[in-house]
Amino acid sequence: MENHIKLSNGIEIPRIGLGTWQITNREQLGVLLNEAYQIGYRLIDTAAAYSNEISLGKGILKWNLPRQDLFLTDKVWNSNRGFQEVQDACRTSLKKLKTDYLDLYMVHWPASMAVHENWEEINAETWRGMEQLYQDGLVRAIGVCNFRKHHLLAIQKTAKILPMINQVELHPGMPQLELLDYCQKMGIAVEASSPLGIGQVLNNTKILDIAKSKEKSAAQICLRWEVQKGIIVIPRTSNKERLKENIDLWDFDLSQKEMCILDEIPYCGGLGIDPDTTEDLG
């Protein structure tokens, strides 16, 4: 299995990356970036809402990590939706990260229909701004996060470029099978933002049984299930041993039976945020 996935525009993205949500301490983040790089991580995921862009940029410089070796991804926050707003937000993030370009830039959340009657128009204008950033060469790829099928269908009415990636919560207990199938048919790569269900799914007995039989950790079973489905994963950890464990997925396979068992696990934890009803994300 290749350790990269080719996006619809031909850009290759690593299958396994480092999530940085809730890691805001500058020194800790710098050390973590260096450790992750030495272990083999190249995909680094952040967002304007994570409040760590400045620390991340400084960490890359401090540890002399070659920018051309990194696949750096960022997200625009909800307060900057709109054609011009998203372009301004991207330029602000570039300054904070001390880089001239992003490898991937994403819309963090769709406008919520619970808050905005004109949610389709808002999303369309935001996406138009994303397309402009792509055309201007400030970003190598553009995508969305937390978009359901109806959000993607609405975007397609006016989009000149389809999203190249959709980052969503996806893990055993929340397999997103219908959305995954639709995205893959449309050539939209899927990235799991919470591939371990924020750690809550790791005590599931079915996952633990498979892990025991494979002599692997529960986390490795979850991540292997996802990468075998063609999903990009960005587990978050600040523990060096878990960093090594999370990227060590290439020396075993899950059988079709094991894959089906994991597909059918009922909801057993995670964030579970509904983008259509959650007003504070609107």
C-alpha atoms as a PDB file:
ATOM      1  CA  MET A   1       0.000   0.000   0.000  1.00  0.00           C
ATOM      2  CA  GLU A   2       1.352   3.407  -0.980  1.00  0.00           C
ATOM      3  CA  ASN A   3       1.871   5.770   1.953  1.00  0.00           C
ATOM      4  CA  HIS A   4       0.484   8.710  -0.062  1.00  0.00           C
ATOM      5  CA  ILE A   5      -2.877   9.465  -1.643  1.00  0.00           C
ATOM      6  CA  LYS A   6      -3.135  11.455  -4.862  1.00  0.00           C
ATOM      7  CA  LEU A   7      -5.698  14.260  -4.707  1.00  0.00           C
ATOM      8  CA  SER A   8      -7.883  15.127  -7.696  1.00  0.00           C
ATOM      9  CA  ASN A   9      -5.415  17.771  -8.886  1.00  0.00           C
ATOM     10  CA  GLY A  10      -2.480  15.349  -8.759  1.00  0.00           C
ATOM     11  CA  ILE A  11      -0.991  16.610  -5.473  1.00  0.00           C
ATOM     12  CA  GLU A  12       0.119  13.772  -3.182  1.00  0.00           C
ATOM     13  CA  ILE A  13      -0.781  13.895   0.509  1.00  0.00           C
ATOM     14  CA  PRO A  14       0.617  11.516   3.166  1.00  0.00           C
ATOM     15  CA  ARG A  15      -1.876   8.953   4.485  1.00  0.00           C
ATOM     16  CA  ILE A  16      -0.806   9.567   8.092  1.00  0.00           C
ATOM     17  CA  GLY A  17      -0.261  12.957   9.678  1.00  0.00           C
ATOM     18  CA  LEU A  18      -0.019  14.755  12.982  1.00  0.00           C
ATOM     19  CA  GLY A  19      -3.063  16.544  14.376  1.00  0.00           C
ATOM     20  CA  THR A  20      -2.289  19.553  16.601  1.00  0.00           C
ATOM     21  CA  TRP A  21      -5.706  20.394  18.068  1.00  0.00           C
ATOM     22  CA  GLN A  22      -5.414  21.457  21.737  1.00  0.00           C
ATOM     23  CA  ILE A  23      -1.597  21.572  21.583  1.00  0.00           C
ATOM     24  CA  THR A  24      -0.879  25.244  22.235  1.00  0.00           C
ATOM     25  CA  ASN A  25       2.278  25.325  24.365  1.00  0.00           C
ATOM     26  CA  ARG A  26       4.995  26.736  22.100  1.00  0.00           C
ATOM     27  CA  GLU A  27       7.922  24.743  23.484  1.00  0.00           C
ATOM     28  CA  GLN A  28       5.927  21.526  23.634  1.00  0.00           C
ATOM     29  CA  LEU A  29       4.712  21.963  20.067  1.00  0.00           C
ATOM     30  CA  GLY A  30       8.212  22.687  18.760  1.00  0.00           C
ATOM     31  CA  VAL A  31       9.658  19.578  20.391  1.00  0.00           C
ATOM     32  CA  LEU A  32       6.703  17.526  19.161  1.00  0.00           C
ATOM     33  CA  LEU A  33       7.158  18.731  15.573  1.00  0.00           C
ATOM     34  CA  ASN A  34      10.828  17.787  15.607  1.00  0.00           C
ATOM     35  CA  GLU A  35      10.150  14.361  17.124  1.00  0.00           C
ATOM     36  CA  ALA A  36       7.373  13.701  14.629  1.00  0.00           C
ATOM     37  CA  TYR A  37       9.571  14.764  11.714  1.00  0.00           C
ATOM     38  CA  GLN A  38      12.433  12.489  12.831  1.00  0.00           C
ATOM     39  CA  ILE A  39       9.996   9.561  13.135  1.00  0.00           C
ATOM     40  CA  GLY A  40       8.697  10.144   9.616  1.00  0.00           C
ATOM     41  CA  TYR A  41       5.683  12.442   9.827  1.00  0.00           C
ATOM     42  CA  ARG A  42       5.360  14.968   7.022  1.00  0.00           C
ATOM     43  CA  LEU A  43       1.666  15.941   7.148  1.00  0.00           C
ATOM     44  CA  ILE A  44       1.000  18.567   9.840  1.00  0.00           C
ATOM     45  CA  ASP A  45      -2.585  19.706  10.458  1.00  0.00           C
ATOM     46  CA  THR A  46      -3.555  22.953  12.166  1.00  0.00           C
ATOM     47  CA  ALA A  47      -6.351  25.544  12.057  1.00  0.00           C
ATOM     48  CA  ALA A  48      -6.872  29.202  12.833  1.00  0.00           C
ATOM     49  CA  ALA A  49      -9.159  28.105  15.675  1.00  0.00           C
ATOM     50  CA  TYR A  50      -6.401  26.016  17.304  1.00  0.00           C
ATOM     51  CA  SER A  51      -4.468  29.146  18.351  1.00  0.00           C
ATOM     52  CA  ASN A  52      -1.138  27.493  17.584  1.00  0.00           C
ATOM     53  CA  GLU A  53      -0.230  28.774  14.109  1.00  0.00           C
ATOM     54  CA  ILE A  54       2.427  31.173  15.432  1.00  0.00           C
ATOM     55  CA  SER A  55       3.940  28.468  17.654  1.00  0.00           C
ATOM     56  CA  LEU A  56       3.900  25.994  14.784  1.00  0.00           C
ATOM     57  CA  GLY A  57       5.657  28.424  12.452  1.00  0.00           C
ATOM     58  CA  LYS A  58       8.306  29.197  15.049  1.00  0.00           C
ATOM     59  CA  GLY A  59       8.775  25.491  15.766  1.00  0.00           C
ATOM     60  CA  ILE A  60       9.423  24.711  12.110  1.00  0.00           C
ATOM     61  CA  LEU A  61      12.070  27.457  11.975  1.00  0.00           C
ATOM     62  CA  LYS A  62      13.658  26.607  15.323  1.00  0.00           C
ATOM     63  CA  TRP A  63      14.155  22.953  14.431  1.00  0.00           C
ATOM     64  CA  ASN A  64      15.181  23.731  10.840  1.00  0.00           C
ATOM     65  CA  LEU A  65      12.493  21.502   9.369  1.00  0.00           C
ATOM     66  CA  PRO A  66      12.628  21.779   5.562  1.00  0.00           C
ATOM     67  CA  ARG A  67       9.415  23.476   4.446  1.00  0.00           C
ATOM     68  CA  GLN A  68       9.474  21.633   1.119  1.00  0.00           C
ATOM     69  CA  ASP A  69       9.361  18.302   2.978  1.00  0.00           C
ATOM     70  CA  LEU A  70       6.249  19.222   4.963  1.00  0.00           C
ATOM     71  CA  PHE A  71       2.615  18.974   3.895  1.00  0.00           C
ATOM     72  CA  LEU A  72       1.166  21.827   5.913  1.00  0.00           C
ATOM     73  CA  THR A  73      -2.626  22.108   6.205  1.00  0.00           C
ATOM     74  CA  ASP A  74      -4.724  24.862   7.777  1.00  0.00           C
ATOM     75  CA  LYS A  75      -8.399  25.833   8.102  1.00  0.00           C
ATOM     76  CA  VAL A  76     -10.365  29.065   7.973  1.00  0.00           C
ATOM     77  CA  TRP A  77     -12.617  29.717  10.963  1.00  0.00           C
ATOM     78  CA  ASN A  78     -16.345  30.485  10.835  1.00  0.00           C
ATOM     79  CA  SER A  79     -15.885  34.194  11.590  1.00  0.00           C
ATOM     80  CA  ASN A  80     -14.111  34.601   8.243  1.00  0.00           C
ATOM     81  CA  ARG A  81     -16.647  33.154   5.839  1.00  0.00           C
ATOM     82  CA  GLY A  82     -17.146  34.984   2.541  1.00  0.00           C
ATOM     83  CA  PHE A  83     -15.248  35.600  -0.707  1.00  0.00           C
ATOM     84  CA  GLN A  84     -12.851  38.298   0.496  1.00  0.00           C
ATOM     85  CA  GLU A  85     -12.874  37.273   4.150  1.00  0.00           C
ATOM     86  CA  VAL A  86     -11.477  33.815   3.460  1.00  0.00           C
ATOM     87  CA  GLN A  87      -8.681  35.270   1.338  1.00  0.00           C
ATOM     88  CA  ASP A  88      -7.747  37.740   4.059  1.00  0.00           C
ATOM     89  CA  ALA A  89      -7.828  34.980   6.686  1.00  0.00           C
ATOM     90  CA  CYS A  90      -5.525  32.783   4.619  1.00  0.00           C
ATOM     91  CA  ARG A  91      -2.969  35.560   4.230  1.00  0.00           C
ATOM     92  CA  THR A  92      -3.067  36.150   7.991  1.00  0.00           C
ATOM     93  CA  SER A  93      -2.446  32.453   8.635  1.00  0.00           C
ATOM     94  CA  LEU A  94       0.450  32.430   6.164  1.00  0.00           C
ATOM     95  CA  LYS A  95       2.111  35.258   8.102  1.00  0.00           C
ATOM     96  CA  LYS A  96       1.610  33.463  11.416  1.00  0.00           C
ATOM     97  CA  LEU A  97       3.024  30.229  10.012  1.00  0.00           C
ATOM     98  CA  LYS A  98       5.922  32.095   8.362  1.00  0.00           C
ATOM     99  CA  THR A  99       5.354  30.402   5.020  1.00  0.00           C
ATOM    100  CA  ASP A 100       4.571  31.581   1.498  1.00  0.00           C
ATOM    101  CA  TYR A 101       2.027  28.856   0.774  1.00  0.00           C
ATOM    102  CA  LEU A 102      -0.135  26.152   2.281  1.00  0.00           C
ATOM    103  CA  ASP A 103      -0.259  22.631   0.904  1.00  0.00           C
ATOM    104  CA  LEU A 104      -3.942  22.394   1.811  1.00  0.00           C
ATOM    105  CA  TYR A 105      -6.443  24.991   3.014  1.00  0.00           C
ATOM    106  CA  MET A 106      -9.902  23.998   4.216  1.00  0.00           C
ATOM    107  CA  VAL A 107     -13.222  25.513   5.272  1.00  0.00           C
ATOM    108  CA  HIS A 108     -13.462  24.428   8.923  1.00  0.00           C
ATOM    109  CA  TRP A 109     -17.272  24.197   9.170  1.00  0.00           C
ATOM    110  CA  PRO A 110     -20.174  24.718   6.775  1.00  0.00           C
ATOM    111  CA  ALA A 111     -22.552  27.551   7.629  1.00  0.00           C
ATOM    112  CA  SER A 112     -25.241  25.988   9.811  1.00  0.00           C
ATOM    113  CA  MET A 113     -28.790  25.917   8.478  1.00  0.00           C
ATOM    114  CA  ALA A 114     -29.907  26.255  12.113  1.00  0.00           C
ATOM    115  CA  VAL A 115     -28.408  29.759  12.166  1.00  0.00           C
ATOM    116  CA  HIS A 116     -28.324  30.989   8.578  1.00  0.00           C
ATOM    117  CA  GLU A 117     -31.306  30.926   6.223  1.00  0.00           C
ATOM    118  CA  ASN A 118     -28.890  31.673   3.394  1.00  0.00           C
ATOM    119  CA  TRP A 119     -26.395  28.974   4.406  1.00  0.00           C
ATOM    120  CA  GLU A 120     -25.997  27.785   0.810  1.00  0.00           C
ATOM    121  CA  GLU A 121     -25.075  31.261  -0.393  1.00  0.00           C
ATOM    122  CA  ILE A 122     -22.604  31.741   2.466  1.00  0.00           C
ATOM    123  CA  ASN A 123     -20.895  28.440   1.727  1.00  0.00           C
ATOM    124  CA  ALA A 124     -20.832  29.191  -2.009  1.00  0.00           C
ATOM    125  CA  GLU A 125     -19.200  32.599  -1.501  1.00  0.00           C
ATOM    126  CA  THR A 126     -16.683  31.159   0.935  1.00  0.00           C
ATOM    127  CA  TRP A 127     -15.817  28.437  -1.539  1.00  0.00           C
ATOM    128  CA  ARG A 128     -15.424  31.023  -4.313  1.00  0.00           C
ATOM    129  CA  GLY A 129     -12.791  32.681  -2.129  1.00  0.00           C
ATOM    130  CA  MET A 130     -11.064  29.325  -1.685  1.00  0.00           C
ATOM    131  CA  GLU A 131     -10.993  28.848  -5.446  1.00  0.00           C
ATOM    132  CA  GLN A 132      -9.388  32.288  -5.824  1.00  0.00           C
ATOM    133  CA  LEU A 133      -6.655  31.381  -3.334  1.00  0.00           C
ATOM    134  CA  TYR A 134      -5.978  28.217  -5.320  1.00  0.00           C
ATOM    135  CA  GLN A 135      -5.879  30.098  -8.618  1.00  0.00           C
ATOM    136  CA  ASP A 136      -3.531  32.693  -7.102  1.00  0.00           C
ATOM    137  CA  GLY A 137      -1.122  29.940  -6.032  1.00  0.00           C
ATOM    138  CA  LEU A 138      -1.245  30.630  -2.297  1.00  0.00           C
ATOM    139  CA  VAL A 139      -2.533  27.113  -1.632  1.00  0.00           C
ATOM    140  CA  ARG A 140      -1.692  23.894  -3.453  1.00  0.00           C
ATOM    141  CA  ALA A 141      -5.042  22.251  -2.697  1.00  0.00           C
ATOM    142  CA  ILE A 142      -8.404  23.279  -1.239  1.00  0.00           C
ATOM    143  CA  GLY A 143     -10.985  21.359   0.721  1.00  0.00           C
ATOM    144  CA  VAL A 144     -13.677  21.404   3.365  1.00  0.00           C
ATOM    145  CA  CYS A 145     -14.256  19.982   6.827  1.00  0.00           C
ATOM    146  CA  ASN A 146     -17.389  18.568   8.425  1.00  0.00           C
ATOM    147  CA  PHE A 147     -19.399  18.810   5.185  1.00  0.00           C
ATOM    148  CA  ARG A 148     -22.233  16.347   4.766  1.00  0.00           C
ATOM    149  CA  LYS A 149     -23.482  15.166   1.400  1.00  0.00           C
ATOM    150  CA  HIS A 150     -26.099  17.941   1.121  1.00  0.00           C
ATOM    151  CA  HIS A 151     -23.438  20.568   1.808  1.00  0.00           C
ATOM    152  CA  LEU A 152     -21.279  19.139  -0.973  1.00  0.00           C
ATOM    153  CA  LEU A 153     -24.222  18.973  -3.365  1.00  0.00           C
ATOM    154  CA  ALA A 154     -25.029  22.619  -2.666  1.00  0.00           C
ATOM    155  CA  ILE A 155     -21.403  23.663  -3.286  1.00  0.00           C
ATOM    156  CA  GLN A 156     -21.438  21.896  -6.657  1.00  0.00           C
ATOM    157  CA  LYS A 157     -24.155  24.216  -7.971  1.00  0.00           C
ATOM    158  CA  THR A 158     -21.681  27.083  -8.323  1.00  0.00           C
ATOM    159  CA  ALA A 159     -18.221  25.566  -7.826  1.00  0.00           C
ATOM    160  CA  LYS A 160     -15.648  25.719 -10.604  1.00  0.00           C
ATOM    161  CA  ILE A 161     -13.426  23.345  -8.635  1.00  0.00           C
ATOM    162  CA  LEU A 162     -14.719  20.538  -6.423  1.00  0.00           C
ATOM    163  CA  PRO A 163     -13.280  20.213  -2.925  1.00  0.00           C
ATOM    164  CA  MET A 164     -10.223  17.986  -3.105  1.00  0.00           C
ATOM    165  CA  ILE A 165     -10.674  16.722   0.437  1.00  0.00           C
ATOM    166  CA  ASN A 166     -13.360  16.496   3.116  1.00  0.00           C
ATOM    167  CA  GLN A 167     -12.062  16.238   6.680  1.00  0.00           C
ATOM    168  CA  VAL A 168     -14.713  14.724   8.965  1.00  0.00           C
ATOM    169  CA  GLU A 169     -15.008  12.898  12.250  1.00  0.00           C
ATOM    170  CA  LEU A 170     -14.623   9.250  11.301  1.00  0.00           C
ATOM    171  CA  HIS A 171     -13.681   6.244  13.425  1.00  0.00           C
ATOM    172  CA  PRO A 172     -15.109   2.884  14.509  1.00  0.00           C
ATOM    173  CA  GLY A 173     -18.570   3.661  15.832  1.00  0.00           C
ATOM    174  CA  MET A 174     -18.867   6.552  13.380  1.00  0.00           C
ATOM    175  CA  PRO A 175     -17.802   5.018  10.046  1.00  0.00           C
ATOM    176  CA  GLN A 176     -19.544   7.588   7.812  1.00  0.00           C
ATOM    177  CA  LEU A 177     -19.955   4.841   5.192  1.00  0.00           C
ATOM    178  CA  GLU A 178     -22.472   6.655   2.969  1.00  0.00           C
ATOM    179  CA  LEU A 179     -20.507   9.913   3.001  1.00  0.00           C
ATOM    180  CA  LEU A 180     -17.237   8.051   2.403  1.00  0.00           C
ATOM    181  CA  ASP A 181     -18.718   6.227  -0.580  1.00  0.00           C
ATOM    182  CA  TYR A 182     -20.095   9.447  -2.068  1.00  0.00           C
ATOM    183  CA  CYS A 183     -16.840  11.383  -1.636  1.00  0.00           C
ATOM    184  CA  GLN A 184     -14.730   8.622  -3.120  1.00  0.00           C
ATOM    185  CA  LYS A 185     -17.052   8.342  -6.131  1.00  0.00           C
ATOM    186  CA  MET A 186     -16.730  12.114  -6.639  1.00  0.00           C
ATOM    187  CA  GLY A 187     -12.940  12.055  -6.366  1.00  0.00           C
ATOM    188  CA  ILE A 188     -12.971  13.842  -2.997  1.00  0.00           C
ATOM    189  CA  ALA A 189     -10.415  12.383  -0.594  1.00  0.00           C
ATOM    190  CA  VAL A 190     -11.602  11.796   2.972  1.00  0.00           C
ATOM    191  CA  GLU A 191      -9.520  12.641   6.030  1.00  0.00           C
ATOM    192  CA  ALA A 192     -10.433  11.498   9.542  1.00  0.00           C
ATOM    193  CA  SER A 193     -10.093  14.399  11.976  1.00  0.00           C
ATOM    194  CA  SER A 194     -10.725  12.217  15.027  1.00  0.00           C
ATOM    195  CA  PRO A 195      -9.532   8.789  13.869  1.00  0.00           C
ATOM    196  CA  LEU A 196      -9.466   7.447  17.431  1.00  0.00           C
ATOM    197  CA  GLY A 197     -12.741   9.002  18.562  1.00  0.00           C
ATOM    198  CA  ILE A 198     -10.757  11.329  20.894  1.00  0.00           C
ATOM    199  CA  GLY A 199      -9.573   8.145  22.596  1.00  0.00           C
ATOM    200  CA  GLN A 200     -13.031   7.065  23.704  1.00  0.00           C
ATOM    201  CA  VAL A 201     -13.357   4.150  21.263  1.00  0.00           C
ATOM    202  CA  LEU A 202     -10.126   2.451  22.346  1.00  0.00           C
ATOM    203  CA  ASN A 203     -11.821   0.480  25.123  1.00  0.00           C
ATOM    204  CA  ASN A 204     -14.319  -1.166  22.786  1.00  0.00           C
ATOM    205  CA  THR A 205     -14.131  -4.936  23.309  1.00  0.00           C
ATOM    206  CA  LYS A 206     -14.332  -5.819  19.601  1.00  0.00           C
ATOM    207  CA  ILE A 207     -11.431  -3.499  18.811  1.00  0.00           C
ATOM    208  CA  LEU A 208      -9.448  -4.891  21.747  1.00  0.00           C
ATOM    209  CA  ASP A 209     -10.107  -8.492  20.620  1.00  0.00           C
ATOM    210  CA  ILE A 210      -8.754  -7.765  17.136  1.00  0.00           C
ATOM    211  CA  ALA A 211      -5.805  -5.880  18.631  1.00  0.00           C
ATOM    212  CA  LYS A 212      -4.932  -8.877  20.819  1.00  0.00           C
ATOM    213  CA  SER A 213      -5.092 -11.283  17.885  1.00  0.00           C
ATOM    214  CA  LYS A 214      -2.799  -9.044  15.806  1.00  0.00           C
ATOM    215  CA  GLU A 215      -0.464  -8.180  18.709  1.00  0.00           C
ATOM    216  CA  LYS A 216      -1.137  -4.515  17.996  1.00  0.00           C
ATOM    217  CA  SER A 217      -2.638  -1.671  20.000  1.00  0.00           C
ATOM    218  CA  ALA A 218      -6.288  -0.677  19.769  1.00  0.00           C
ATOM    219  CA  ALA A 219      -5.180   2.619  18.206  1.00  0.00           C
ATOM    220  CA  GLN A 220      -3.238   0.809  15.496  1.00  0.00           C
ATOM    221  CA  ILE A 221      -6.305  -1.308  14.679  1.00  0.00           C
ATOM    222  CA  CYS A 222      -8.481   1.785  14.290  1.00  0.00           C
ATOM    223  CA  LEU A 223      -5.916   3.593  12.148  1.00  0.00           C
ATOM    224  CA  ARG A 224      -5.244   0.530   9.976  1.00  0.00           C
ATOM    225  CA  TRP A 225      -9.001   0.116   9.400  1.00  0.00           C
ATOM    226  CA  GLU A 226      -9.117   3.690   8.161  1.00  0.00           C
ATOM    227  CA  VAL A 227      -6.076   3.626   5.895  1.00  0.00           C
ATOM    228  CA  GLN A 228      -7.264   0.350   4.339  1.00  0.00           C
ATOM    229  CA  LYS A 229     -10.423   2.244   3.384  1.00  0.00           C
ATOM    230  CA  GLY A 230      -8.321   4.883   1.632  1.00  0.00           C
ATOM    231  CA  ILE A 231      -8.794   7.431   4.417  1.00  0.00           C
ATOM    232  CA  ILE A 232      -6.136   9.911   5.532  1.00  0.00           C
ATOM    233  CA  VAL A 233      -5.659   9.975   9.314  1.00  0.00           C
ATOM    234  CA  ILE A 234      -4.293  12.711  11.586  1.00  0.00           C
ATOM    235  CA  PRO A 235      -4.181  11.288  15.132  1.00  0.00           C
ATOM    236  CA  ARG A 236      -3.190  13.756  17.834  1.00  0.00           C
ATOM    237  CA  THR A 237      -0.704  12.862  20.537  1.00  0.00           C
ATOM    238  CA  SER A 238       2.169  14.521  22.353  1.00  0.00           C
ATOM    239  CA  ASN A 239       3.605  11.175  23.518  1.00  0.00           C
ATOM    240  CA  LYS A 240       6.700  10.069  21.596  1.00  0.00           C
ATOM    241  CA  GLU A 241       5.947   6.350  21.907  1.00  0.00           C
ATOM    242  CA  ARG A 242       2.417   6.853  20.612  1.00  0.00           C
ATOM    243  CA  LEU A 243       3.801   8.947  17.767  1.00  0.00           C
ATOM    244  CA  LYS A 244       5.853   5.927  16.724  1.00  0.00           C
ATOM    245  CA  GLU A 245       2.945   3.553  17.240  1.00  0.00           C
ATOM    246  CA  ASN A 246       0.470   5.608  15.214  1.00  0.00           C
ATOM    247  CA  ILE A 247       2.643   5.667  12.112  1.00  0.00           C
ATOM    248  CA  ASP A 248       3.672   1.998  12.352  1.00  0.00           C
ATOM    249  CA  LEU A 249       0.780   0.540  10.358  1.00  0.00           C
ATOM    250  CA  TRP A 250       2.375  -1.073   7.347  1.00  0.00           C
ATOM    251  CA  ASP A 251       3.390  -4.524   8.590  1.00  0.00           C
ATOM    252  CA  PHE A 252      -0.083  -6.004   9.019  1.00  0.00           C
ATOM    253  CA  ASP A 253      -3.484  -6.179   7.332  1.00  0.00           C
ATOM    254  CA  LEU A 254      -7.047  -6.514   8.557  1.00  0.00           C
ATOM    255  CA  SER A 255      -9.113  -9.269   6.946  1.00  0.00           C
ATOM    256  CA  GLN A 256     -12.391  -8.528   5.227  1.00  0.00           C
ATOM    257  CA  LYS A 257     -14.191 -10.074   8.203  1.00  0.00           C
ATOM    258  CA  GLU A 258     -12.311  -7.839  10.636  1.00  0.00           C
ATOM    259  CA  MET A 259     -13.023  -4.790   8.486  1.00  0.00           C
ATOM    260  CA  CYS A 260     -16.749  -5.607   8.557  1.00  0.00           C
ATOM    261  CA  ILE A 261     -16.691  -6.067  12.336  1.00  0.00           C
ATOM    262  CA  LEU A 262     -15.203  -2.606  12.709  1.00  0.00           C
ATOM    263  CA  ASP A 263     -17.689  -1.160  10.195  1.00  0.00           C
ATOM    264  CA  GLU A 264     -20.584  -2.400  12.306  1.00  0.00           C
ATOM    265  CA  ILE A 265     -19.475  -1.251  15.763  1.00  0.00           C
ATOM    266  CA  PRO A 266     -22.244   0.939  17.241  1.00  0.00           C
ATOM    267  CA  TYR A 267     -21.494   4.459  18.425  1.00  0.00           C
ATOM    268  CA  CYS A 268     -19.038   4.229  21.316  1.00  0.00           C
ATOM    269  CA  GLY A 269     -17.666   7.743  21.755  1.00  0.00           C
ATOM    270  CA  GLY A 270     -16.190  10.740  19.989  1.00  0.00           C
ATOM    271  CA  LEU A 271     -17.189  14.354  19.461  1.00  0.00           C
ATOM    272  CA  GLY A 272     -20.422  13.705  17.558  1.00  0.00           C
ATOM    273  CA  ILE A 273     -20.958  17.343  16.535  1.00  0.00           C
ATOM    274  CA  ASP A 274     -23.810  17.911  14.063  1.00  0.00           C
ATOM    275  CA  PRO A 275     -22.914  20.768  11.677  1.00  0.00           C
ATOM    276  CA  ASP A 276     -26.579  21.350  10.863  1.00  0.00           C
ATOM    277  CA  THR A 277     -27.828  21.917  14.416  1.00  0.00           C
ATOM    278  CA  THR A 278     -24.895  23.219  16.435  1.00  0.00           C
ATOM    279  CA  GLU A 279     -25.387  26.964  16.675  1.00  0.00           C
ATOM    280  CA  ASP A 280     -22.117  27.862  18.345  1.00  0.00           C
ATOM    281  CA  LEU A 281     -20.306  26.586  15.276  1.00  0.00           C
ATOM    282  CA  GLY A 282     -22.624  28.438  12.896  1.00  0.00           C
END
